[in-house]
PDB file of N, CA and C in Angstrom:
ATOM      1  N   MET A   1     -19.178 -40.567 -44.040  1.00  0.00           N
ATOM      2  CA  MET A   1     -19.783 -41.749 -43.376  1.00  0.00           C
ATOM      3  C   MET A   1     -20.695 -41.219 -42.409  1.00  0.00           C
ATOM      4  N   ALA A   2     -21.876 -41.682 -42.332  1.00  0.00           N
ATOM      5  CA  ALA A   2     -22.841 -41.264 -41.350  1.00  0.00           C
ATOM      6  C   ALA A   2     -23.138 -42.258 -40.313  1.00  0.00           C
ATOM      7  N   VAL A   3     -23.359 -41.751 -39.057  1.00  0.00           N
ATOM      8  CA  VAL A   3     -23.629 -42.655 -37.934  1.00  0.00           C
ATOM      9  C   VAL A   3     -25.160 -42.521 -37.640  1.00  0.00           C
ATOM     10  N   ILE A   4     -25.809 -43.598 -37.743  1.00  0.00           N
ATOM     11  CA  ILE A   4     -27.247 -43.550 -37.522  1.00  0.00           C
ATOM     12  C   ILE A   4     -27.532 -44.143 -36.052  1.00  0.00           C
ATOM     13  N   ILE A   5     -28.186 -43.385 -35.275  1.00  0.00           N
ATOM     14  CA  ILE A   5     -28.457 -43.789 -33.871  1.00  0.00           C
ATOM     15  C   ILE A   5     -29.983 -44.174 -33.886  1.00  0.00           C
ATOM     16  N   GLN A   6     -30.276 -45.370 -33.545  1.00  0.00           N
ATOM     17  CA  GLN A   6     -31.637 -45.918 -33.399  1.00  0.00           C
ATOM     18  C   GLN A   6     -32.052 -46.014 -32.011  1.00  0.00           C
ATOM     19  N   PRO A   7     -33.268 -45.863 -31.711  1.00  0.00           N
ATOM     20  CA  PRO A   7     -33.700 -46.155 -30.386  1.00  0.00           C
ATOM     21  C   PRO A   7     -33.671 -47.672 -30.083  1.00  0.00           C
ATOM     22  N   ASN A   8     -33.562 -47.971 -28.748  1.00  0.00           N
ATOM     23  CA  ASN A   8     -33.542 -49.444 -28.326  1.00  0.00           C
ATOM     24  C   ASN A   8     -34.824 -50.149 -28.856  1.00  0.00           C
ATOM     25  N   GLN A   9     -34.560 -51.301 -29.411  1.00  0.00           N
ATOM     26  CA  GLN A   9     -35.668 -52.074 -29.841  1.00  0.00           C
ATOM     27  C   GLN A   9     -36.128 -53.029 -28.742  1.00  0.00           C
ATOM     28  N   ARG A  10     -37.379 -53.283 -28.635  1.00  0.00           N
ATOM     29  CA  ARG A  10     -37.935 -54.098 -27.518  1.00  0.00           C
ATOM     30  C   ARG A  10     -37.652 -55.547 -27.781  1.00  0.00           C
ATOM     31  N   GLY A  11     -37.396 -56.002 -28.995  1.00  0.00           N
ATOM     32  CA  GLY A  11     -37.203 -57.389 -29.273  1.00  0.00           C
ATOM     33  C   GLY A  11     -35.927 -57.912 -28.733  1.00  0.00           C
ATOM     34  N   SER A  12     -34.868 -57.100 -28.603  1.00  0.00           N
ATOM     35  CA  SER A  12     -33.528 -57.546 -28.245  1.00  0.00           C
ATOM     36  C   SER A  12     -33.562 -57.871 -26.751  1.00  0.00           C
ATOM     37  N   ARG A  13     -34.350 -57.167 -25.920  1.00  0.00           N
ATOM     38  CA  ARG A  13     -34.470 -57.478 -24.539  1.00  0.00           C
ATOM     39  C   ARG A  13     -35.256 -58.899 -24.306  1.00  0.00           C
ATOM     40  N   THR A  14     -36.257 -59.134 -25.090  1.00  0.00           N
ATOM     41  CA  THR A  14     -36.980 -60.348 -25.029  1.00  0.00           C
ATOM     42  C   THR A  14     -35.992 -61.493 -25.336  1.00  0.00           C
ATOM     43  N   PHE A  15     -35.142 -61.312 -26.384  1.00  0.00           N
ATOM     44  CA  PHE A  15     -34.233 -62.390 -26.852  1.00  0.00           C
ATOM     45  C   PHE A  15     -33.231 -62.602 -25.676  1.00  0.00           C
ATOM     46  N   ILE A  16     -32.768 -61.667 -25.022  1.00  0.00           N
ATOM     47  CA  ILE A  16     -31.799 -61.902 -23.843  1.00  0.00           C
ATOM     48  C   ILE A  16     -32.496 -62.668 -22.785  1.00  0.00           C
ATOM     49  N   ILE A  17     -33.694 -62.283 -22.445  1.00  0.00           N
ATOM     50  CA  ILE A  17     -34.393 -63.003 -21.392  1.00  0.00           C
ATOM     51  C   ILE A  17     -34.697 -64.451 -21.802  1.00  0.00           C
ATOM     52  N   ILE A  18     -35.053 -64.701 -23.042  1.00  0.00           N
ATOM     53  CA  ILE A  18     -35.219 -66.104 -23.437  1.00  0.00           C
ATOM     54  C   ILE A  18     -33.961 -66.863 -23.449  1.00  0.00           C
ATOM     55  N   SER A  19     -32.855 -66.277 -23.803  1.00  0.00           N
ATOM     56  CA  SER A  19     -31.602 -66.876 -23.857  1.00  0.00           C
ATOM     57  C   SER A  19     -31.117 -67.311 -22.510  1.00  0.00           C
ATOM     58  N   VAL A  20     -31.234 -66.343 -21.540  1.00  0.00           N
ATOM     59  CA  VAL A  20     -30.847 -66.604 -20.166  1.00  0.00           C
ATOM     60  C   VAL A  20     -31.689 -67.778 -19.544  1.00  0.00           C
ATOM     61  N   ALA A  21     -33.054 -67.730 -19.826  1.00  0.00           N
ATOM     62  CA  ALA A  21     -33.896 -68.751 -19.315  1.00  0.00           C
ATOM     63  C   ALA A  21     -33.563 -70.124 -19.901  1.00  0.00           C
ATOM     64  N   ALA A  22     -33.156 -70.204 -21.175  1.00  0.00           N
ATOM     65  CA  ALA A  22     -32.720 -71.487 -21.819  1.00  0.00           C
ATOM     66  C   ALA A  22     -31.425 -71.932 -21.196  1.00  0.00           C
ATOM     67  N   ALA A  23     -30.510 -71.082 -20.914  1.00  0.00           N
ATOM     68  CA  ALA A  23     -29.258 -71.487 -20.355  1.00  0.00           C
ATOM     69  C   ALA A  23     -29.440 -71.990 -18.932  1.00  0.00           C
ATOM     70  N   LEU A  24     -30.280 -71.309 -18.184  1.00  0.00           N
ATOM     71  CA  LEU A  24     -30.645 -71.818 -16.800  1.00  0.00           C
ATOM     72  C   LEU A  24     -31.240 -73.153 -16.880  1.00  0.00           C
ATOM     73  N   ALA A  25     -32.197 -73.349 -17.864  1.00  0.00           N
ATOM     74  CA  ALA A  25     -32.917 -74.648 -17.905  1.00  0.00           C
ATOM     75  C   ALA A  25     -31.887 -75.767 -18.290  1.00  0.00           C
ATOM     76  N   ILE A  26     -30.958 -75.450 -19.137  1.00  0.00           N
ATOM     77  CA  ILE A  26     -29.915 -76.445 -19.500  1.00  0.00           C
ATOM     78  C   ILE A  26     -29.042 -76.826 -18.328  1.00  0.00           C
ATOM     79  N   LEU A  27     -28.676 -75.758 -17.549  1.00  0.00           N
ATOM     80  CA  LEU A  27     -27.919 -75.961 -16.334  1.00  0.00           C
ATOM     81  C   LEU A  27     -28.639 -76.801 -15.270  1.00  0.00           C
ATOM     82  N   ALA A  28     -29.967 -76.480 -15.165  1.00  0.00           N
ATOM     83  CA  ALA A  28     -30.769 -77.221 -14.186  1.00  0.00           C
ATOM     84  C   ALA A  28     -30.871 -78.673 -14.584  1.00  0.00           C
ATOM     85  N   ILE A  29     -31.079 -78.941 -15.816  1.00  0.00           N
ATOM     86  CA  ILE A  29     -31.210 -80.369 -16.244  1.00  0.00           C
ATOM     87  C   ILE A  29     -29.944 -81.068 -16.095  1.00  0.00           C
ATOM     88  N   GLY A  30     -28.867 -80.420 -16.434  1.00  0.00           N
ATOM     89  CA  GLY A  30     -27.470 -81.020 -16.276  1.00  0.00           C
ATOM     90  C   GLY A  30     -27.179 -81.369 -14.855  1.00  0.00           C
ATOM     91  N   ALA A  31     -27.565 -80.423 -13.940  1.00  0.00           N
ATOM     92  CA  ALA A  31     -27.342 -80.628 -12.525  1.00  0.00           C
ATOM     93  C   ALA A  31     -28.209 -81.789 -11.929  1.00  0.00           C
ATOM     94  N   TYR A  32     -29.400 -81.901 -12.511  1.00  0.00           N
ATOM     95  CA  TYR A  32     -30.261 -83.018 -12.034  1.00  0.00           C
ATOM     96  C   TYR A  32     -29.702 -84.388 -12.478  1.00  0.00           C
ATOM     97  N   TYR A  33     -29.236 -84.464 -13.738  1.00  0.00           N
ATOM     98  CA  TYR A  33     -28.725 -85.710 -14.178  1.00  0.00           C
ATOM     99  C   TYR A  33     -27.326 -86.018 -13.522  1.00  0.00           C
ATOM    100  N   LEU A  34     -26.636 -85.005 -13.092  1.00  0.00           N
ATOM    101  CA  LEU A  34     -25.262 -85.182 -12.544  1.00  0.00           C
ATOM    102  C   LEU A  34     -25.352 -85.547 -11.106  1.00  0.00           C
ATOM    103  N   PHE A  35     -26.315 -84.947 -10.354  1.00  0.00           N
ATOM    104  CA  PHE A  35     -26.352 -85.211  -8.931  1.00  0.00           C
ATOM    105  C   PHE A  35     -27.501 -86.027  -8.397  1.00  0.00           C
ATOM    106  N   PHE A  36     -28.589 -86.185  -9.033  1.00  0.00           N
ATOM    107  CA  PHE A  36     -29.805 -86.790  -8.523  1.00  0.00           C
ATOM    108  C   PHE A  36     -30.129 -88.081  -9.187  1.00  0.00           C
ATOM    109  N   THR A  37     -29.667 -88.456 -10.309  1.00  0.00           N
ATOM    110  CA  THR A  37     -30.032 -89.776 -10.900  1.00  0.00           C
ATOM    111  C   THR A  37     -29.136 -90.774 -10.433  1.00  0.00           C
ATOM    112  N   PRO A  38     -29.593 -91.956 -10.300  1.00  0.00           N
ATOM    113  CA  PRO A  38     -28.738 -93.086  -9.767  1.00  0.00           C
ATOM    114  C   PRO A  38     -27.597 -93.413 -10.820  1.00  0.00           C
ATOM    115  N   ALA A  39     -26.468 -93.713 -10.288  1.00  0.00           N
ATOM    116  CA  ALA A  39     -25.340 -94.074 -11.224  1.00  0.00           C
ATOM    117  C   ALA A  39     -25.433 -95.492 -11.544  1.00  0.00           C
ATOM    118  N   PRO A  40     -25.201 -95.858 -12.828  1.00  0.00           N
ATOM    119  CA  PRO A  40     -25.259 -97.311 -13.212  1.00  0.00           C
ATOM    120  C   PRO A  40     -24.132 -98.082 -12.616  1.00  0.00           C
ATOM    121  N   LEU A  41     -24.522 -99.276 -12.233  1.00  0.00           N
ATOM    122  CA  LEU A  41     -23.502-100.139 -11.625  1.00  0.00           C
ATOM    123  C   LEU A  41     -22.669-100.742 -12.674  1.00  0.00           C
ATOM    124  N   ILE A  42     -21.484-101.194 -12.257  1.00  0.00           N
ATOM    125  CA  ILE A  42     -20.484-101.814 -13.308  1.00  0.00           C
ATOM    126  C   ILE A  42     -21.105-103.074 -13.868  1.00  0.00           C
ATOM    127  N   GLU A  43     -21.882-103.815 -13.091  1.00  0.00           N
ATOM    128  CA  GLU A  43     -22.432-105.156 -13.622  1.00  0.00           C
ATOM    129  C   GLU A  43     -23.379-104.834 -14.713  1.00  0.00           C
ATOM    130  N   ALA A  44     -24.061-103.714 -14.697  1.00  0.00           N
ATOM    131  CA  ALA A  44     -24.976-103.305 -15.726  1.00  0.00           C
ATOM    132  C   ALA A  44     -24.300-102.954 -17.044  1.00  0.00           C
ATOM    133  N   ILE A  45     -23.092-102.421 -16.913  1.00  0.00           N
ATOM    134  CA  ILE A  45     -22.382-101.919 -18.066  1.00  0.00           C
ATOM    135  C   ILE A  45     -21.609-103.040 -18.738  1.00  0.00           C
ATOM    136  N   LEU A  46     -21.058-104.021 -18.046  1.00  0.00           N
ATOM    137  CA  LEU A  46     -20.278-105.025 -18.658  1.00  0.00           C
ATOM    138  C   LEU A  46     -21.114-105.956 -19.634  1.00  0.00           C
ATOM    139  N   PRO A  47     -20.544-106.326 -20.661  1.00  0.00           N
ATOM    140  CA  PRO A  47     -21.265-107.393 -21.534  1.00  0.00           C
ATOM    141  C   PRO A  47     -21.323-108.684 -20.805  1.00  0.00           C
ATOM    142  N   ALA A  48     -22.284-109.503 -21.234  1.00  0.00           N
ATOM    143  CA  ALA A  48     -22.468-110.862 -20.557  1.00  0.00           C
ATOM    144  C   ALA A  48     -21.266-111.715 -20.533  1.00  0.00           C
ATOM    145  N   ASN A  49     -20.406-111.730 -21.543  1.00  0.00           N
ATOM    146  CA  ASN A  49     -19.263-112.576 -21.541  1.00  0.00           C
ATOM    147  C   ASN A  49     -18.201-112.124 -20.625  1.00  0.00           C
ATOM    148  N   LEU A  50     -18.172-110.856 -20.184  1.00  0.00           N
ATOM    149  CA  LEU A  50     -17.141-110.372 -19.200  1.00  0.00           C
ATOM    150  C   LEU A  50     -17.732-110.467 -17.812  1.00  0.00           C
ATOM    151  N   GLN A  51     -18.985-110.760 -17.627  1.00  0.00           N
ATOM    152  CA  GLN A  51     -19.479-110.876 -16.226  1.00  0.00           C
ATOM    153  C   GLN A  51     -18.944-112.109 -15.556  1.00  0.00           C
ATOM    154  N   SER A  52     -18.505-113.107 -16.366  1.00  0.00           N
ATOM    155  CA  SER A  52     -17.945-114.348 -15.766  1.00  0.00           C
ATOM    156  C   SER A  52     -16.615-114.046 -15.068  1.00  0.00           C
ATOM    157  N   VAL A  53     -16.061-112.880 -15.318  1.00  0.00           N
ATOM    158  CA  VAL A  53     -14.733-112.596 -14.619  1.00  0.00           C
ATOM    159  C   VAL A  53     -14.931-112.490 -13.143  1.00  0.00           C
ATOM    160  N   ALA A  54     -16.187-112.099 -12.697  1.00  0.00           N
ATOM    161  CA  ALA A  54     -16.443-111.976 -11.296  1.00  0.00           C
ATOM    162  C   ALA A  54     -16.252-113.346 -10.572  1.00  0.00           C
ATOM    163  N   ASP A  55     -16.350-114.453 -11.276  1.00  0.00           N
ATOM    164  CA  ASP A  55     -16.145-115.729 -10.673  1.00  0.00           C
ATOM    165  C   ASP A  55     -14.698-115.975 -10.298  1.00  0.00           C
ATOM    166  N   LEU A  56     -13.750-115.186 -10.889  1.00  0.00           N
ATOM    167  CA  LEU A  56     -12.351-115.334 -10.485  1.00  0.00           C
ATOM    168  C   LEU A  56     -11.994-114.889  -9.072  1.00  0.00           C
ATOM    169  N   SER A  57     -12.947-114.034  -8.540  1.00  0.00           N
ATOM    170  CA  SER A  57     -12.607-113.529  -7.274  1.00  0.00           C
ATOM    171  C   SER A  57     -12.854-114.628  -6.139  1.00  0.00           C
ATOM    172  N   GLY A  58     -13.521-115.666  -6.493  1.00  0.00           N
ATOM    173  CA  GLY A  58     -13.819-116.687  -5.558  1.00  0.00           C
ATOM    174  C   GLY A  58     -12.672-117.778  -5.558  1.00  0.00           C
ATOM    175  N   LEU A  59     -11.728-117.657  -6.455  1.00  0.00           N
ATOM    176  CA  LEU A  59     -10.623-118.694  -6.531  1.00  0.00           C
ATOM    177  C   LEU A  59      -9.659-118.552  -5.332  1.00  0.00           C
ATOM    178  N   GLN A  60      -9.169-119.597  -4.894  1.00  0.00           N
ATOM    179  CA  GLN A  60      -8.132-119.592  -3.740  1.00  0.00           C
ATOM    180  C   GLN A  60      -6.773-119.867  -4.332  1.00  0.00           C
ATOM    181  N   PHE A  61      -5.773-119.151  -3.959  1.00  0.00           N
ATOM    182  CA  PHE A  61      -4.422-119.321  -4.485  1.00  0.00           C
ATOM    183  C   PHE A  61      -3.530-119.827  -3.292  1.00  0.00           C
ATOM    184  N   ASN A  62      -2.948-120.991  -3.563  1.00  0.00           N
ATOM    185  CA  ASN A  62      -1.971-121.582  -2.571  1.00  0.00           C
ATOM    186  C   ASN A  62      -0.648-121.650  -3.225  1.00  0.00           C
ATOM    187  N   PRO A  63       0.289-120.776  -2.816  1.00  0.00           N
ATOM    188  CA  PRO A  63       1.633-120.748  -3.414  1.00  0.00           C
ATOM    189  C   PRO A  63       2.390-122.097  -3.220  1.00  0.00           C
ATOM    190  N   GLN A  64       2.175-122.747  -2.155  1.00  0.00           N
ATOM    191  CA  GLN A  64       2.913-123.959  -1.821  1.00  0.00           C
ATOM    192  C   GLN A  64       2.517-125.055  -2.919  1.00  0.00           C
ATOM    193  N   GLU A  65       1.268-125.066  -3.309  1.00  0.00           N
ATOM    194  CA  GLU A  65       0.732-126.034  -4.285  1.00  0.00           C
ATOM    195  C   GLU A  65       1.454-125.862  -5.601  1.00  0.00           C
ATOM    196  N   VAL A  66       1.637-124.559  -5.908  1.00  0.00           N
ATOM    197  CA  VAL A  66       2.247-124.193  -7.233  1.00  0.00           C
ATOM    198  C   VAL A  66       3.774-124.599  -7.220  1.00  0.00           C
ATOM    199  N   LEU A  67       4.396-124.252  -6.086  1.00  0.00           N
ATOM    200  CA  LEU A  67       5.862-124.614  -6.055  1.00  0.00           C
ATOM    201  C   LEU A  67       6.138-126.117  -5.950  1.00  0.00           C
ATOM    202  N   GLN A  68       5.225-126.904  -5.415  1.00  0.00           N
ATOM    203  CA  GLN A  68       5.446-128.299  -5.336  1.00  0.00           C
ATOM    204  C   GLN A  68       4.955-129.089  -6.670  1.00  0.00           C
ATOM    205  N   ASP A  69       4.393-128.376  -7.559  1.00  0.00           N
ATOM    206  CA  ASP A  69       3.926-128.924  -8.825  1.00  0.00           C
ATOM    207  C   ASP A  69       5.137-129.484  -9.586  1.00  0.00           C
ATOM    208  N   GLU A  70       4.960-130.595 -10.214  1.00  0.00           N
ATOM    209  CA  GLU A  70       6.051-131.258 -10.942  1.00  0.00           C
ATOM    210  C   GLU A  70       6.553-130.408 -12.162  1.00  0.00           C
ATOM    211  N   PHE A  71       5.611-129.707 -12.785  1.00  0.00           N
ATOM    212  CA  PHE A  71       6.105-128.861 -13.875  1.00  0.00           C
ATOM    213  C   PHE A  71       7.133-127.846 -13.479  1.00  0.00           C
ATOM    214  N   PHE A  72       6.892-127.178 -12.364  1.00  0.00           N
ATOM    215  CA  PHE A  72       7.906-126.187 -11.885  1.00  0.00           C
ATOM    216  C   PHE A  72       9.101-126.867 -11.289  1.00  0.00           C
ATOM    217  N   SER A  73       8.983-128.027 -10.636  1.00  0.00           N
ATOM    218  CA  SER A  73      10.109-128.599  -9.938  1.00  0.00           C
ATOM    219  C   SER A  73      10.932-129.310 -11.016  1.00  0.00           C
ATOM    220  N   SER A  74      10.507-129.600 -12.255  1.00  0.00           N
ATOM    221  CA  SER A  74      11.291-130.264 -13.242  1.00  0.00           C
ATOM    222  C   SER A  74      12.278-129.307 -13.987  1.00  0.00           C
ATOM    223  N   GLU A  75      12.158-128.093 -13.747  1.00  0.00           N
ATOM    224  CA  GLU A  75      13.021-127.127 -14.445  1.00  0.00           C
ATOM    225  C   GLU A  75      14.373-127.239 -13.722  1.00  0.00           C
ATOM    226  N   ASP A  76      15.411-126.857 -14.563  1.00  0.00           N
ATOM    227  CA  ASP A  76      16.826-126.944 -14.083  1.00  0.00           C
ATOM    228  C   ASP A  76      17.049-125.827 -13.092  1.00  0.00           C
ATOM    229  N   PRO A  77      17.344-126.079 -11.789  1.00  0.00           N
ATOM    230  CA  PRO A  77      17.570-124.940 -10.906  1.00  0.00           C
ATOM    231  C   PRO A  77      18.857-124.188 -11.245  1.00  0.00           C
ATOM    232  N   GLY A  78      19.804-124.795 -11.861  1.00  0.00           N
ATOM    233  CA  GLY A  78      21.081-124.101 -12.185  1.00  0.00           C
ATOM    234  C   GLY A  78      20.975-123.222 -13.284  1.00  0.00           C
ATOM    235  N   ARG A  79      19.899-123.204 -14.082  1.00  0.00           N
ATOM    236  CA  ARG A  79      19.889-122.352 -15.228  1.00  0.00           C
ATOM    237  C   ARG A  79      19.626-120.946 -14.764  1.00  0.00           C
ATOM    238  N   SER A  80      20.347-119.991 -15.344  1.00  0.00           N
ATOM    239  CA  SER A  80      20.124-118.546 -14.942  1.00  0.00           C
ATOM    240  C   SER A  80      20.100-117.755 -16.272  1.00  0.00           C
ATOM    241  N   ILE A  81      19.715-116.566 -16.053  1.00  0.00           N
ATOM    242  CA  ILE A  81      19.580-115.641 -17.157  1.00  0.00           C
ATOM    243  C   ILE A  81      20.801-114.710 -17.058  1.00  0.00           C
ATOM    244  N   ASN A  82      21.588-114.573 -18.131  1.00  0.00           N
ATOM    245  CA  ASN A  82      22.750-113.637 -18.123  1.00  0.00           C
ATOM    246  C   ASN A  82      22.244-112.319 -18.728  1.00  0.00           C
ATOM    247  N   LEU A  83      22.295-111.391 -17.816  1.00  0.00           N
ATOM    248  CA  LEU A  83      21.928-110.032 -18.195  1.00  0.00           C
ATOM    249  C   LEU A  83      23.244-109.234 -18.449  1.00  0.00           C
ATOM    250  N   PRO A  84      23.139-108.285 -19.411  1.00  0.00           N
ATOM    251  CA  PRO A  84      24.372-107.483 -19.653  1.00  0.00           C
ATOM    252  C   PRO A  84      24.596-106.538 -18.501  1.00  0.00           C
ATOM    253  N   VAL A  85      25.928-106.343 -18.285  1.00  0.00           N
ATOM    254  CA  VAL A  85      26.375-105.535 -17.219  1.00  0.00           C
ATOM    255  C   VAL A  85      26.117-104.106 -17.607  1.00  0.00           C
ATOM    256  N   ILE A  86      25.442-103.319 -16.734  1.00  0.00           N
ATOM    257  CA  ILE A  86      25.120-101.933 -17.092  1.00  0.00           C
ATOM    258  C   ILE A  86      26.063-101.003 -16.287  1.00  0.00           C
ATOM    259  N   GLY A  87      26.828-100.257 -16.922  1.00  0.00           N
ATOM    260  CA  GLY A  87      27.721 -99.360 -16.162  1.00  0.00           C
ATOM    261  C   GLY A  87      27.048 -97.883 -16.269  1.00  0.00           C
ATOM    262  N   PRO A  88      27.780 -97.000 -15.685  1.00  0.00           N
ATOM    263  CA  PRO A  88      27.271 -95.625 -15.641  1.00  0.00           C
ATOM    264  C   PRO A  88      27.266 -95.009 -17.106  1.00  0.00           C
ATOM    265  N   ASN A  89      28.162 -95.529 -17.921  1.00  0.00           N
ATOM    266  CA  ASN A  89      28.283 -94.803 -19.319  1.00  0.00           C
ATOM    267  C   ASN A  89      27.387 -95.588 -20.315  1.00  0.00           C
ATOM    268  N   SER A  90      26.832 -96.734 -19.908  1.00  0.00           N
ATOM    269  CA  SER A  90      25.989 -97.505 -20.930  1.00  0.00           C
ATOM    270  C   SER A  90      24.507 -97.284 -20.750  1.00  0.00           C
ATOM    271  N   LEU A  91      24.087 -96.250 -20.127  1.00  0.00           N
ATOM    272  CA  LEU A  91      22.736 -96.106 -19.779  1.00  0.00           C
ATOM    273  C   LEU A  91      21.849 -95.566 -21.028  1.00  0.00           C
ATOM    274  N   GLY A  92      22.511 -95.153 -22.063  1.00  0.00           N
ATOM    275  CA  GLY A  92      21.859 -94.584 -23.215  1.00  0.00           C
ATOM    276  C   GLY A  92      22.854 -94.124 -24.215  1.00  0.00           C
ATOM    277  N   ARG A  93      22.373 -93.517 -25.294  1.00  0.00           N
ATOM    278  CA  ARG A  93      23.198 -93.018 -26.334  1.00  0.00           C
ATOM    279  C   ARG A  93      23.805 -91.695 -25.857  1.00  0.00           C
ATOM    280  N   GLU A  94      25.005 -91.472 -26.359  1.00  0.00           N
ATOM    281  CA  GLU A  94      25.582 -90.171 -26.002  1.00  0.00           C
ATOM    282  C   GLU A  94      24.848 -89.008 -26.527  1.00  0.00           C
ATOM    283  N   ASN A  95      24.318 -89.160 -27.854  1.00  0.00           N
ATOM    284  CA  ASN A  95      23.476 -88.073 -28.435  1.00  0.00           C
ATOM    285  C   ASN A  95      22.221 -88.808 -28.890  1.00  0.00           C
ATOM    286  N   PRO A  96      21.152 -88.684 -28.195  1.00  0.00           N
ATOM    287  CA  PRO A  96      19.941 -89.408 -28.548  1.00  0.00           C
ATOM    288  C   PRO A  96      19.281 -88.974 -29.902  1.00  0.00           C
ATOM    289  N   PHE A  97      19.850 -87.801 -30.375  1.00  0.00           N
ATOM    290  CA  PHE A  97      19.180 -87.227 -31.589  1.00  0.00           C
ATOM    291  C   PHE A  97      20.056 -87.552 -32.800  1.00  0.00           C
ATOM    292  N   ALA A  98      21.113 -88.252 -32.576  1.00  0.00           N
ATOM    293  CA  ALA A  98      21.976 -88.630 -33.758  1.00  0.00           C
ATOM    294  C   ALA A  98      21.393 -89.779 -34.548  1.00  0.00           C
ATOM    295  N   ALA A  99      21.740 -89.707 -35.855  1.00  0.00           N
ATOM    296  CA  ALA A  99      21.210 -90.829 -36.729  1.00  0.00           C
ATOM    297  C   ALA A  99      21.811 -92.154 -36.343  1.00  0.00           C
ATOM    298  N   PHE A 100      21.089 -93.316 -36.588  1.00  0.00           N
ATOM    299  CA  PHE A 100      21.506 -94.590 -36.283  1.00  0.00           C
ATOM    300  C   PHE A 100      22.571 -95.126 -37.220  1.00  0.00           C
TER     301      PHE A 100
END
């Protein structure tokens, strides 16, 4: 097996310079768009049918009005939800990887 040593070619240095210049140009363009262009506002991004959600911020909420409404007062106050009693041993399966 023979080893052939060739002199440095001039074209490889030119390729490196062009590659470095292209990489710097891409970084400069990316930095410009990242730091110097104005950010789009959320109103410009939302579709027209979702822009009406901004109207909800103007609504006033009065909890007394809701509590005095006959729909909520007509419910049976004695009704309760029976939740299961959870003890220290019933928090999960003994072996979570066991078959069901």
